[in-house]
Amino acid sequence: MSGRLRESPGTIDRLRDAARIARVETVRHYRRQREHSWRAFSELFLVVVAAFVVVGQVPGAEGWSYPDPGAYYYAAAIAAGGGGTTAATGQDAAVAAVRGFAGIAFVLVALVTMLWTVKGQGWRERDDGLLATIPIGTIVVGDALAKMIKAGRFLSLAIGGGAVAFAAGSGRPLGIIGFVLAAAGLIATATACGYVAGLGALVALRRSTFVREHKLLVGSPLVALYFGLFVGSRQAGALLGEWPIAWHADVALASIGGGDPRLATAALVGTPLALAGLWAVATTLARLAWLADPSKAPAVDTEADPARSGMFGPLDRVLSATCSRPTRAVTRALWLRVRRRPQALLYVLLPLVVLISVGYEFARAVPGALPALVAVYGAGAVGAGATLNPLGNEGRGLPATLTTPGSARHVVRGYLVSAALPGGALVAALTVGVAARTTGSAVVAASAGLFAAALAVCLPAVAIGVGTLLPEFDAIRPAENAGVTVPHVYAVVAYSGTIGIVGTPVLAGLYLAGEGATEMPVGVVVTAGAMATLLVAGALAGPSYRRAVRTFETYLVGE
């Protein structure tokens, strides 16, 4: 033996190790998606939708292209200098729109990366020994690179289609290179920013008992921001387009003779500098998140039953009078687990954000639609919590639940009651108040309350069916099932679309009645729309409930 210690790895060796880590993480993600075909289908659907949105309206393809302006439209407007007959805005407006689009994309990618980082919990729980054998800085590069690949794969079709549309609209082939270069820089920088933010959140979760116990309070503003970018894209684009995060758009714009060359140069030069600085910050945060011991949680009184005290007292009395003992046990356990870990309720904000933004605009055009909007999206929010991931919420107790005779129906019914009982009462009361204030009629207010209560039963049943179809198991820890887990993002997307489908008939009836587009009496049109909404909700709720029961009866752990 020479007695010489192994020399520390050089830069090339570290980059090679980081590339291996990224490759392994990418393969793991691909295998997880392949094992769950519905997840892969949902991801493919979102990839195609993103591509349609980026490409936008294309002349001669109005029947199948996205109706709003996109890469083709804005590139044509910029190339025409504002004088084109197809452009509704000038060149400056088109440049501002492209920058706003880039700003929204940056924030969305950063927020999604932050979510991936927090859900993955870093590398502390890994059993492959990387933390003991490879420098943390190398692991950070590999982990962040894997997330960049994941984001790039999700946006690959949008980038490719957008680049072709951008070049075709401007008539300059160089636009393809500029668009791809801008997209690559934006994804790299946004992913790095989101990764740093996610590591910061992990540090806060590990070192702060307050943050760990109040995840809903801390995380809800970020989730509201994420959803608000979708429903308020025009306002968000106008704001974010003025920020430096939108400078990547000028790289694409400069390739077709638009934008500001100085901002394009700043983006090209600043991207590697920003990545280097973010890597240094991420390495420090990763060391704190993955190596530091978490703070000790305060002792929990396991004898106390919050379902029998405080706000759950009246609900528990109603529960005892209406449900069987097994159903009551499941419902009370869910209330306790939601109180312990309410992070699964973050997605409740999605219907509420839609109600505040889109509902506000719709109610301005049709003032009488406000009670129906509150009923539909309020009931949608009721089902957007624990009911969207019943299989994942069972955690390490899932095998026992699946093998207990007769438990499937009680478990599914308990999930439904846990959401519909408190949520239905709250939404019905809120709808009655809004209807009474809007119409001044006690009969209309009472009818609106019954309508909201019925939806608050049907939509959680739909959510249970969607949740069993698209479960989320990645967030489960073997030693932790005291709370509930965040549902899969694809389940949230599918359920959100269902809310829109359910609410369409009643909102269409209110719109037709308000516009006077039909000769039928207003009351008949509105009532027909409300009944149609209830029929659609019931038609979706029944099969969803039965599917959930059948899934619990036949599900095999490990599938």
Protein backbone atom coordinates (compact mmCIF):
# COMPACT_ATOMS: atom_id res chain seq x y z
CA MET A 1 0.00 0.00 0.00
CA SER A 2 1.28 3.40 -0.85
CA GLY A 3 -0.54 5.02 2.05
CA ARG A 4 -1.72 7.84 -0.17
CA LEU A 5 -5.25 9.06 0.31
CA ARG A 6 -7.50 9.35 -2.72
CA GLU A 7 -7.28 12.80 -4.17
CA SER A 8 -10.39 14.94 -3.99
CA PRO A 9 -12.42 14.78 -7.20
CA GLY A 10 -11.90 17.52 -9.73
CA THR A 11 -14.51 19.61 -11.47
CA ILE A 12 -14.94 17.14 -14.33
CA ASP A 13 -15.43 14.24 -11.91
CA ARG A 14 -18.00 16.18 -9.91
CA LEU A 15 -19.92 17.13 -13.03
CA ARG A 16 -19.84 13.49 -14.12
CA ASP A 17 -21.22 12.41 -10.73
CA ALA A 18 -23.91 15.09 -10.93
CA ALA A 19 -24.90 13.86 -14.39
CA ARG A 20 -25.20 10.31 -13.05
CA ILE A 21 -27.43 11.50 -10.21
CA ALA A 22 -29.63 13.40 -12.65
CA ARG A 23 -29.87 10.36 -14.91
CA VAL A 24 -30.86 8.06 -12.04
CA GLU A 25 -33.51 10.50 -10.77
CA THR A 26 -34.89 10.92 -14.29
CA VAL A 27 -35.12 7.15 -14.79
CA ARG A 28 -36.86 6.76 -11.42
CA HIS A 29 -39.43 9.37 -12.36
CA TYR A 30 -40.00 7.74 -15.75
CA ARG A 31 -40.55 4.34 -14.15
CA ARG A 32 -43.03 5.77 -11.65
CA GLN A 33 -44.99 7.35 -14.48
CA ARG A 34 -44.91 4.11 -16.48
CA GLU A 35 -46.28 2.15 -13.53
CA HIS A 36 -49.30 4.48 -13.33
CA SER A 37 -50.78 4.79 -16.81
CA TRP A 38 -53.36 7.39 -15.78
CA ARG A 39 -50.61 9.68 -14.54
CA ALA A 40 -48.77 9.34 -17.83
CA PHE A 41 -51.97 10.05 -19.75
CA SER A 42 -52.71 13.11 -17.61
CA GLU A 43 -49.18 14.40 -18.09
CA LEU A 44 -49.44 13.89 -21.85
CA PHE A 45 -52.71 15.81 -21.87
CA LEU A 46 -51.15 18.74 -20.02
CA VAL A 47 -48.12 18.68 -22.33
CA VAL A 48 -50.38 18.94 -25.38
CA VAL A 49 -52.47 21.70 -23.81
CA ALA A 50 -49.33 23.68 -22.96
CA ALA A 51 -48.17 23.36 -26.57
CA PHE A 52 -51.51 24.63 -27.91
CA VAL A 53 -51.40 27.61 -25.55
CA VAL A 54 -47.83 28.55 -26.51
CA VAL A 55 -48.39 28.20 -30.26
CA GLY A 56 -51.69 30.05 -30.05
CA GLN A 57 -53.85 31.12 -32.93
CA VAL A 58 -52.61 30.07 -36.39
CA PRO A 59 -54.15 31.44 -39.61
CA GLY A 60 -55.93 28.76 -41.59
CA ALA A 61 -56.17 26.45 -38.57
CA GLU A 62 -58.79 28.27 -36.52
CA GLY A 63 -60.78 25.09 -36.05
CA TRP A 64 -58.11 23.19 -34.14
CA SER A 65 -55.60 25.77 -32.89
CA TYR A 66 -55.86 27.65 -29.60
CA PRO A 67 -58.15 30.67 -30.06
CA ASP A 68 -56.00 33.19 -28.17
CA PRO A 69 -52.81 34.81 -29.55
CA GLY A 70 -49.56 32.92 -29.09
CA ALA A 71 -46.08 32.60 -30.55
CA TYR A 72 -47.21 32.79 -34.18
CA TYR A 73 -49.46 35.80 -33.69
CA TYR A 74 -46.97 37.88 -31.71
CA ALA A 75 -44.04 37.00 -33.97
CA ALA A 76 -46.05 38.11 -37.00
CA ALA A 77 -47.01 41.36 -35.29
CA ILE A 78 -43.40 42.09 -34.35
CA ALA A 79 -42.08 41.27 -37.81
CA ALA A 80 -44.74 43.50 -39.39
CA GLY A 81 -43.75 46.41 -37.17
CA GLY A 82 -47.34 46.91 -36.09
CA GLY A 83 -48.55 47.48 -39.64
CA GLY A 84 -49.88 44.00 -40.39
CA THR A 85 -53.58 43.60 -41.08
CA THR A 86 -53.83 40.53 -38.85
CA ALA A 87 -52.31 42.21 -35.81
CA ALA A 88 -54.77 43.79 -33.41
CA THR A 89 -52.01 45.48 -31.46
CA GLY A 90 -48.81 47.24 -32.33
CA GLN A 91 -45.28 45.96 -32.11
CA ASP A 92 -44.76 47.35 -28.62
CA ALA A 93 -47.89 45.61 -27.35
CA ALA A 94 -46.73 42.32 -28.87
CA VAL A 95 -43.31 42.66 -27.23
CA ALA A 96 -44.96 43.38 -23.88
CA ALA A 97 -47.21 40.34 -24.29
CA VAL A 98 -44.26 38.04 -25.01
CA ARG A 99 -42.40 39.36 -21.97
CA GLY A 100 -45.47 38.87 -19.82
CA PHE A 101 -45.80 35.31 -21.07
CA ALA A 102 -42.16 34.67 -20.16
CA GLY A 103 -42.65 36.16 -16.70
CA ILE A 104 -45.65 33.93 -16.00
CA ALA A 105 -43.79 30.86 -17.27
CA PHE A 106 -40.82 31.69 -15.03
CA VAL A 107 -42.93 31.95 -11.88
CA LEU A 108 -44.92 28.80 -12.69
CA VAL A 109 -41.78 26.73 -13.28
CA ALA A 110 -40.22 28.07 -10.09
CA LEU A 111 -43.31 27.32 -8.00
CA VAL A 112 -43.66 23.80 -9.41
CA THR A 113 -39.96 23.11 -8.77
CA MET A 114 -40.36 24.35 -5.22
CA LEU A 115 -43.26 21.93 -4.77
CA TRP A 116 -41.20 19.04 -6.16
CA THR A 117 -38.34 19.88 -3.81
CA VAL A 118 -40.50 20.10 -0.71
CA LYS A 119 -42.45 16.94 -1.53
CA GLY A 120 -39.25 15.02 -2.18
CA GLN A 121 -37.94 15.95 1.29
CA GLY A 122 -34.41 16.18 -0.07
CA TRP A 123 -31.84 13.44 0.40
CA ARG A 124 -31.94 12.96 4.16
CA GLU A 125 -34.10 9.82 4.03
CA ARG A 126 -32.32 8.21 1.04
CA ASP A 127 -30.71 4.84 1.67
CA ASP A 128 -28.14 4.96 -1.12
CA GLY A 129 -25.43 6.57 1.00
CA LEU A 130 -24.81 9.51 -1.32
CA LEU A 131 -24.63 12.02 1.52
CA ALA A 132 -21.72 10.10 3.00
CA THR A 133 -19.80 9.57 -0.24
CA ILE A 134 -20.40 12.56 -2.52
CA PRO A 135 -20.03 16.28 -1.73
CA ILE A 136 -23.32 18.02 -1.10
CA GLY A 137 -22.58 20.55 -3.82
CA THR A 138 -22.41 17.74 -6.37
CA ILE A 139 -25.69 16.26 -5.16
CA VAL A 140 -27.28 19.70 -5.42
CA VAL A 141 -26.19 20.03 -9.04
CA GLY A 142 -27.46 16.55 -9.91
CA ASP A 143 -30.77 16.97 -8.10
CA ALA A 144 -31.40 20.39 -9.62
CA LEU A 145 -30.41 19.11 -13.07
CA ALA A 146 -32.92 16.27 -12.72
CA LYS A 147 -35.65 18.79 -11.98
CA MET A 148 -34.58 20.90 -14.97
CA ILE A 149 -34.87 17.82 -17.17
CA LYS A 150 -38.27 17.07 -15.69
CA ALA A 151 -39.50 20.60 -16.36
CA GLY A 152 -37.96 20.61 -19.82
CA ARG A 153 -39.58 17.29 -20.68
CA PHE A 154 -42.94 18.64 -19.60
CA LEU A 155 -42.50 21.75 -21.77
CA SER A 156 -40.65 20.07 -24.65
CA LEU A 157 -43.62 19.97 -27.01
CA ALA A 158 -44.54 23.55 -26.15
CA ILE A 159 -40.97 24.70 -26.80
CA GLY A 160 -40.68 22.83 -30.09
CA GLY A 161 -44.06 23.92 -31.38
CA GLY A 162 -43.59 27.45 -30.13
CA ALA A 163 -40.18 27.74 -31.81
CA VAL A 164 -41.56 26.63 -35.17
CA ALA A 165 -44.57 28.94 -34.84
CA PHE A 166 -42.32 31.81 -33.78
CA ALA A 167 -40.11 31.38 -36.84
CA ALA A 168 -43.06 30.87 -39.19
CA GLY A 169 -44.90 33.91 -37.91
CA SER A 170 -41.89 36.17 -38.26
CA GLY A 171 -40.62 34.62 -41.48
CA ARG A 172 -37.12 34.29 -39.96
CA PRO A 173 -35.70 30.78 -39.40
CA LEU A 174 -33.31 32.22 -36.81
CA GLY A 175 -36.35 32.57 -34.57
CA ILE A 176 -36.21 28.84 -33.85
CA ILE A 177 -32.74 29.13 -32.32
CA GLY A 178 -33.63 32.26 -30.39
CA PHE A 179 -36.83 30.75 -29.00
CA VAL A 180 -35.16 27.51 -27.90
CA LEU A 181 -32.23 29.38 -26.35
CA ALA A 182 -34.57 31.69 -24.46
CA ALA A 183 -36.68 28.78 -23.23
CA ALA A 184 -33.61 26.85 -22.06
CA GLY A 185 -32.28 29.83 -20.13
CA LEU A 186 -35.67 30.53 -18.58
CA ILE A 187 -36.21 26.92 -17.48
CA ALA A 188 -32.69 26.65 -16.05
CA THR A 189 -32.93 29.88 -14.06
CA ALA A 190 -36.52 29.34 -12.92
CA THR A 191 -35.81 25.78 -11.82
CA ALA A 192 -32.75 26.90 -9.88
CA CYS A 193 -34.74 29.65 -8.15
CA GLY A 194 -37.53 27.22 -7.28
CA TYR A 195 -35.00 24.67 -6.05
CA VAL A 196 -33.40 27.20 -3.72
CA ALA A 197 -36.82 28.26 -2.45
CA GLY A 198 -37.76 24.63 -1.87
CA LEU A 199 -34.59 23.96 0.10
CA GLY A 200 -35.30 27.08 2.14
CA ALA A 201 -38.76 25.73 2.89
CA LEU A 202 -37.25 22.39 3.95
CA VAL A 203 -34.88 24.18 6.31
CA ALA A 204 -37.80 26.07 7.82
CA LEU A 205 -39.78 22.84 8.20
CA ARG A 206 -36.90 21.08 9.94
CA ARG A 207 -35.76 23.89 12.21
CA SER A 208 -39.02 25.67 13.04
CA THR A 209 -41.76 23.96 15.00
CA PHE A 210 -44.15 26.79 14.14
CA VAL A 211 -43.71 26.32 10.39
CA ARG A 212 -44.05 22.56 10.72
CA GLU A 213 -47.30 22.89 12.68
CA HIS A 214 -48.78 25.64 10.49
CA LYS A 215 -48.00 24.44 6.97
CA LEU A 216 -51.40 25.54 5.73
CA LEU A 217 -50.90 29.08 6.98
CA VAL A 218 -47.39 29.33 5.52
CA GLY A 219 -48.03 27.59 2.20
CA SER A 220 -51.45 28.97 1.30
CA PRO A 221 -50.16 32.30 -0.12
CA LEU A 222 -47.85 30.42 -2.51
CA VAL A 223 -50.64 28.11 -3.64
CA ALA A 224 -52.97 31.08 -4.10
CA LEU A 225 -50.27 32.77 -6.21
CA TYR A 226 -49.88 29.63 -8.33
CA PHE A 227 -53.59 29.39 -9.06
CA GLY A 228 -53.93 33.14 -9.47
CA LEU A 229 -51.42 33.09 -12.34
CA PHE A 230 -53.79 30.86 -14.30
CA VAL A 231 -57.03 32.68 -13.68
CA GLY A 232 -55.53 36.19 -13.82
CA SER A 233 -52.96 35.68 -16.55
CA ARG A 234 -53.53 39.03 -18.26
CA GLN A 235 -52.98 41.08 -15.12
CA ALA A 236 -50.08 38.89 -14.01
CA GLY A 237 -48.42 39.14 -17.42
CA ALA A 238 -48.61 42.92 -17.42
CA LEU A 239 -46.92 42.98 -14.00
CA LEU A 240 -44.28 40.27 -14.45
CA GLY A 241 -43.32 41.47 -17.92
CA GLU A 242 -41.58 44.45 -16.32
CA TRP A 243 -39.38 42.30 -14.08
CA PRO A 244 -35.89 40.96 -14.91
CA ILE A 245 -37.26 37.40 -14.93
CA ALA A 246 -38.89 38.27 -18.28
CA TRP A 247 -35.63 39.33 -19.95
CA HIS A 248 -35.27 35.84 -21.42
CA ALA A 249 -38.07 36.78 -23.80
CA ASP A 250 -35.81 39.40 -25.37
CA VAL A 251 -33.41 36.64 -26.45
CA ALA A 252 -36.17 35.20 -28.63
CA LEU A 253 -37.39 38.64 -29.68
CA ALA A 254 -33.91 39.76 -30.71
CA SER A 255 -33.61 36.80 -33.08
CA ILE A 256 -36.50 38.18 -35.17
CA GLY A 257 -35.54 41.84 -34.95
CA GLY A 258 -37.66 42.83 -31.95
CA GLY A 259 -37.20 43.42 -28.25
CA ASP A 260 -34.28 45.13 -26.57
CA PRO A 261 -30.81 43.77 -27.47
CA ARG A 262 -29.43 45.06 -24.17
CA LEU A 263 -31.92 43.00 -22.18
CA ALA A 264 -31.17 39.97 -24.36
CA THR A 265 -27.45 40.37 -23.67
CA ALA A 266 -28.12 40.79 -19.96
CA ALA A 267 -30.15 37.57 -19.95
CA LEU A 268 -27.45 35.61 -21.78
CA VAL A 269 -24.65 36.90 -19.57
CA GLY A 270 -26.63 36.89 -16.35
CA THR A 271 -27.96 33.33 -16.59
CA PRO A 272 -24.66 31.51 -15.84
CA LEU A 273 -23.81 34.06 -13.15
CA ALA A 274 -27.23 33.60 -11.54
CA LEU A 275 -26.90 29.82 -11.68
CA ALA A 276 -23.50 29.98 -9.97
CA GLY A 277 -24.84 32.19 -7.20
CA LEU A 278 -27.94 30.06 -6.74
CA TRP A 279 -25.76 26.93 -6.55
CA ALA A 280 -23.76 28.44 -3.70
CA VAL A 281 -26.94 29.34 -1.80
CA ALA A 282 -28.51 25.94 -2.52
CA THR A 283 -25.43 24.11 -1.22
CA THR A 284 -25.60 25.96 2.08
CA LEU A 285 -29.34 25.36 2.43
CA ALA A 286 -28.99 21.70 1.46
CA ARG A 287 -26.42 21.19 4.19
CA LEU A 288 -28.87 22.62 6.73
CA ALA A 289 -31.85 20.70 5.35
CA TRP A 290 -30.20 17.30 4.91
CA LEU A 291 -27.66 17.15 7.72
CA ALA A 292 -29.04 19.23 10.59
CA ASP A 293 -31.29 17.48 13.10
CA PRO A 294 -34.89 18.75 13.12
CA SER A 295 -36.23 20.59 16.12
CA LYS A 296 -38.13 18.52 18.64
CA ALA A 297 -41.87 18.68 18.21
CA PRO A 298 -43.95 19.43 21.30
CA ALA A 299 -45.72 16.56 22.96
CA VAL A 300 -49.20 15.83 21.67
CA ASP A 301 -52.00 14.84 24.02
CA THR A 302 -53.17 11.61 22.42
CA GLU A 303 -56.05 11.28 24.90
CA ALA A 304 -57.76 14.42 23.66
CA ASP A 305 -60.37 14.03 20.94
CA PRO A 306 -60.76 17.26 19.00
CA ALA A 307 -63.79 15.83 17.25
CA ARG A 308 -65.71 16.12 20.51
CA SER A 309 -64.68 19.64 21.42
CA GLY A 310 -64.50 23.13 19.96
CA MET A 311 -65.90 23.57 16.48
CA PHE A 312 -66.31 19.81 16.04
CA GLY A 313 -68.74 19.45 18.94
CA PRO A 314 -72.00 20.26 17.07
CA LEU A 315 -70.80 18.33 14.02
CA ASP A 316 -70.06 15.30 16.17
CA ARG A 317 -73.60 15.32 17.54
CA VAL A 318 -75.01 15.36 14.00
CA LEU A 319 -72.56 12.64 13.03
CA SER A 320 -73.66 10.43 15.92
CA ALA A 321 -77.30 10.82 14.94
CA THR A 322 -76.90 10.06 11.24
CA CYS A 323 -74.00 7.65 10.67
CA SER A 324 -73.08 4.15 11.74
CA ARG A 325 -70.29 3.52 14.21
CA PRO A 326 -67.63 2.49 11.63
CA THR A 327 -68.38 5.53 9.49
CA ARG A 328 -68.20 7.79 12.53
CA ALA A 329 -64.81 6.33 13.44
CA VAL A 330 -63.39 7.03 9.97
CA THR A 331 -64.83 10.54 9.91
CA ARG A 332 -63.51 11.48 13.34
CA ALA A 333 -60.09 10.07 12.51
CA LEU A 334 -59.97 12.17 9.34
CA TRP A 335 -60.93 15.34 11.20
CA LEU A 336 -58.16 14.65 13.70
CA ARG A 337 -55.60 13.99 10.97
CA VAL A 338 -56.57 17.09 9.00
CA ARG A 339 -56.17 19.15 12.15
CA ARG A 340 -52.71 17.69 12.76
CA ARG A 341 -51.49 18.17 9.19
CA PRO A 342 -53.73 20.46 7.19
CA GLN A 343 -51.41 20.80 4.17
CA ALA A 344 -53.78 18.71 2.04
CA LEU A 345 -56.28 21.57 2.30
CA LEU A 346 -54.02 23.85 0.24
CA TYR A 347 -55.77 22.86 -2.97
CA VAL A 348 -59.04 24.11 -1.51
CA LEU A 349 -57.74 27.52 -2.57
CA LEU A 350 -58.02 26.67 -6.29
CA PRO A 351 -61.84 26.89 -6.52
CA LEU A 352 -61.78 29.91 -4.22
CA VAL A 353 -59.27 31.74 -6.42
CA VAL A 354 -61.40 30.95 -9.48
CA LEU A 355 -64.46 32.21 -7.63
CA ILE A 356 -62.78 35.49 -6.72
CA SER A 357 -61.31 36.18 -10.16
CA VAL A 358 -63.42 34.58 -12.88
CA GLY A 359 -66.53 34.68 -10.75
CA TYR A 360 -66.12 38.39 -10.21
CA GLU A 361 -65.98 39.06 -13.94
CA PHE A 362 -68.96 36.80 -14.62
CA ALA A 363 -70.99 38.34 -11.81
CA ARG A 364 -70.35 41.81 -13.24
CA ALA A 365 -71.98 40.73 -16.50
CA VAL A 366 -74.73 38.70 -14.80
CA PRO A 367 -75.26 40.05 -11.24
CA GLY A 368 -77.78 37.35 -10.40
CA ALA A 369 -75.17 34.64 -10.92
CA LEU A 370 -73.26 35.34 -7.71
CA PRO A 371 -75.21 32.88 -5.48
CA ALA A 372 -74.77 30.10 -8.06
CA LEU A 373 -71.05 30.84 -8.33
CA VAL A 374 -70.67 30.65 -4.56
CA ALA A 375 -72.61 27.38 -4.49
CA VAL A 376 -70.68 25.70 -7.33
CA TYR A 377 -67.15 26.75 -6.43
CA GLY A 378 -67.79 26.60 -2.70
CA ALA A 379 -68.96 23.00 -3.06
CA GLY A 380 -65.96 22.38 -5.30
CA ALA A 381 -63.68 23.62 -2.55
CA VAL A 382 -65.33 21.20 -0.12
CA GLY A 383 -64.15 18.27 -2.24
CA ALA A 384 -60.66 19.61 -2.90
CA GLY A 385 -59.16 18.46 0.40
CA ALA A 386 -58.53 15.01 1.87
CA THR A 387 -61.14 13.43 -0.41
CA LEU A 388 -58.81 13.89 -3.40
CA ASN A 389 -56.30 11.32 -2.09
CA PRO A 390 -58.04 8.64 0.01
CA LEU A 391 -55.58 5.85 -0.85
CA GLY A 392 -52.54 7.98 -0.13
CA ASN A 393 -54.00 9.31 3.11
CA GLU A 394 -54.20 5.83 4.58
CA GLY A 395 -50.39 5.70 4.56
CA ARG A 396 -48.84 2.68 6.22
CA GLY A 397 -52.32 1.63 7.38
CA LEU A 398 -53.47 1.02 3.80
CA PRO A 399 -52.77 -2.75 3.80
CA ALA A 400 -54.87 -3.19 6.94
CA THR A 401 -57.66 -1.09 5.45
CA LEU A 402 -57.66 -3.10 2.24
CA THR A 403 -57.76 -6.47 4.01
CA THR A 404 -60.42 -5.68 6.61
CA PRO A 405 -63.75 -7.25 5.52
CA GLY A 406 -66.47 -4.69 4.85
CA SER A 407 -64.21 -1.72 5.52
CA ALA A 408 -64.19 -0.31 1.97
CA ARG A 409 -67.70 1.11 2.06
CA HIS A 410 -67.24 2.52 5.56
CA VAL A 411 -63.93 4.17 4.63
CA VAL A 412 -65.30 5.79 1.47
CA ARG A 413 -68.44 6.90 3.28
CA GLY A 414 -66.34 8.31 6.10
CA TYR A 415 -64.29 10.36 3.63
CA LEU A 416 -67.46 11.68 2.04
CA VAL A 417 -69.08 12.61 5.36
CA SER A 418 -65.88 14.21 6.70
CA ALA A 419 -65.99 16.74 3.85
CA ALA A 420 -69.72 17.07 3.15
CA LEU A 421 -70.91 17.55 6.73
CA PRO A 422 -68.84 20.61 7.75
CA GLY A 423 -68.33 21.89 4.21
CA GLY A 424 -71.94 21.51 3.15
CA ALA A 425 -73.20 23.41 6.16
CA LEU A 426 -70.70 26.22 5.62
CA VAL A 427 -71.31 26.55 1.86
CA ALA A 428 -75.08 26.36 2.25
CA ALA A 429 -75.06 29.09 4.89
CA LEU A 430 -72.80 31.29 2.80
CA THR A 431 -74.93 30.77 -0.31
CA VAL A 432 -78.12 31.59 1.58
CA GLY A 433 -76.57 34.82 2.83
CA VAL A 434 -75.35 35.85 -0.62
CA ALA A 435 -78.67 34.97 -2.25
CA ALA A 436 -80.65 36.86 0.37
CA ARG A 437 -78.43 39.90 -0.07
CA THR A 438 -78.56 39.73 -3.88
CA THR A 439 -82.24 38.90 -4.50
CA GLY A 440 -84.00 39.86 -1.28
CA SER A 441 -86.23 36.78 -1.61
CA ALA A 442 -86.44 34.22 1.17
CA VAL A 443 -87.67 31.54 -1.24
CA VAL A 444 -84.75 32.08 -3.63
CA ALA A 445 -82.29 32.12 -0.73
CA ALA A 446 -83.64 28.86 0.69
CA SER A 447 -83.58 27.22 -2.75
CA ALA A 448 -80.01 28.38 -3.30
CA GLY A 449 -79.01 26.92 0.05
CA LEU A 450 -80.50 23.52 -0.81
CA PHE A 451 -78.78 23.68 -4.20
CA ALA A 452 -75.42 24.36 -2.53
CA ALA A 453 -75.93 21.59 0.03
CA ALA A 454 -76.69 19.06 -2.71
CA LEU A 455 -73.58 20.04 -4.64
CA ALA A 456 -71.51 19.84 -1.44
CA VAL A 457 -72.45 16.17 -1.25
CA CYS A 458 -72.03 15.31 -4.93
CA LEU A 459 -68.71 17.04 -5.64
CA PRO A 460 -66.79 15.41 -2.74
CA ALA A 461 -68.07 12.06 -4.03
CA VAL A 462 -66.65 12.94 -7.45
CA ALA A 463 -63.39 13.95 -5.77
CA ILE A 464 -63.11 10.56 -4.05
CA GLY A 465 -63.48 8.81 -7.40
CA VAL A 466 -60.87 11.04 -9.02
CA GLY A 467 -58.53 10.56 -6.06
CA THR A 468 -58.69 6.77 -6.24
CA LEU A 469 -58.05 6.95 -9.97
CA LEU A 470 -55.02 9.26 -9.57
CA PRO A 471 -53.59 8.56 -6.09
CA GLU A 472 -50.48 10.19 -4.64
CA PHE A 473 -48.14 7.88 -2.75
CA ASP A 474 -44.84 9.73 -3.20
CA ALA A 475 -45.33 11.90 -0.11
CA ILE A 476 -45.90 8.96 2.27
CA ARG A 477 -43.22 8.27 4.87
CA PRO A 478 -43.11 4.75 6.34
CA ALA A 479 -43.23 6.03 9.92
CA GLU A 480 -45.75 8.81 9.34
CA ASN A 481 -49.48 8.54 8.75
CA ALA A 482 -50.75 10.79 11.51
CA GLY A 483 -51.96 13.35 8.98
CA VAL A 484 -53.18 13.57 5.42
CA THR A 485 -51.11 13.97 2.28
CA VAL A 486 -51.34 16.47 -0.55
CA PRO A 487 -53.23 15.02 -3.54
CA HIS A 488 -51.61 14.45 -6.89
CA VAL A 489 -51.52 17.53 -9.09
CA TYR A 490 -53.15 15.63 -11.95
CA ALA A 491 -56.04 14.69 -9.68
CA VAL A 492 -56.43 18.37 -8.84
CA VAL A 493 -56.46 19.29 -12.54
CA ALA A 494 -59.03 16.60 -13.38
CA TYR A 495 -61.24 17.57 -10.47
CA SER A 496 -61.01 21.26 -11.36
CA GLY A 497 -62.24 20.46 -14.86
CA THR A 498 -65.12 18.52 -13.35
CA ILE A 499 -66.17 21.53 -11.30
CA GLY A 500 -66.38 23.57 -14.49
CA ILE A 501 -68.44 20.88 -16.22
CA VAL A 502 -70.86 20.65 -13.30
CA GLY A 503 -71.32 24.41 -13.05
CA THR A 504 -71.79 25.05 -16.77
CA PRO A 505 -75.57 24.36 -17.00
CA VAL A 506 -76.65 26.66 -14.18
CA LEU A 507 -74.30 29.44 -15.25
CA ALA A 508 -75.44 29.10 -18.87
CA GLY A 509 -79.05 29.32 -17.74
CA LEU A 510 -78.35 32.45 -15.73
CA TYR A 511 -76.51 34.01 -18.66
CA LEU A 512 -79.33 33.27 -21.10
CA ALA A 513 -81.88 34.61 -18.66
CA GLY A 514 -79.86 37.76 -18.05
CA GLU A 515 -79.32 38.42 -21.76
CA GLY A 516 -82.94 37.76 -22.64
CA ALA A 517 -81.83 35.32 -25.31
CA THR A 518 -84.83 33.05 -24.81
CA GLU A 519 -88.57 33.61 -24.83
CA MET A 520 -89.09 31.31 -21.86
CA PRO A 521 -89.71 32.87 -18.42
CA VAL A 522 -86.56 33.74 -16.51
CA GLY A 523 -87.48 31.56 -13.55
CA VAL A 524 -87.98 28.52 -15.77
CA VAL A 525 -84.61 28.98 -17.48
CA VAL A 526 -82.73 29.42 -14.20
CA THR A 527 -84.50 26.47 -12.59
CA ALA A 528 -83.79 24.27 -15.61
CA GLY A 529 -80.11 25.20 -15.48
CA ALA A 530 -79.91 24.43 -11.76
CA MET A 531 -81.65 21.07 -12.21
CA ALA A 532 -79.33 20.21 -15.09
CA THR A 533 -76.33 20.99 -12.89
CA LEU A 534 -77.66 18.72 -10.16
CA LEU A 535 -78.30 15.96 -12.70
CA VAL A 536 -74.76 16.24 -14.05
CA ALA A 537 -73.32 16.27 -10.53
CA GLY A 538 -75.38 13.24 -9.54
CA ALA A 539 -74.49 11.38 -12.73
CA LEU A 540 -70.80 11.88 -11.95
CA ALA A 541 -71.05 11.32 -8.19
CA GLY A 542 -72.72 7.90 -8.35
CA PRO A 543 -70.13 6.15 -10.53
CA SER A 544 -67.30 7.94 -8.72
CA TYR A 545 -68.50 6.70 -5.34
CA ARG A 546 -68.95 3.14 -6.60
CA ARG A 547 -65.53 3.18 -8.23
CA ALA A 548 -63.92 4.34 -4.99
CA VAL A 549 -65.56 1.51 -3.06
CA ARG A 550 -64.54 -1.02 -5.70
CA THR A 551 -60.98 0.32 -5.70
CA PHE A 552 -60.66 -0.13 -1.94
CA GLU A 553 -62.06 -3.65 -2.30
CA THR A 554 -59.75 -4.74 -5.13
CA TYR A 555 -56.63 -2.55 -4.84
CA LEU A 556 -53.30 -4.35 -4.55
CA VAL A 557 -50.52 -2.56 -2.68
CA GLY A 558 -47.53 -2.02 -4.95
CA GLU A 559 -49.47 -1.61 -8.19
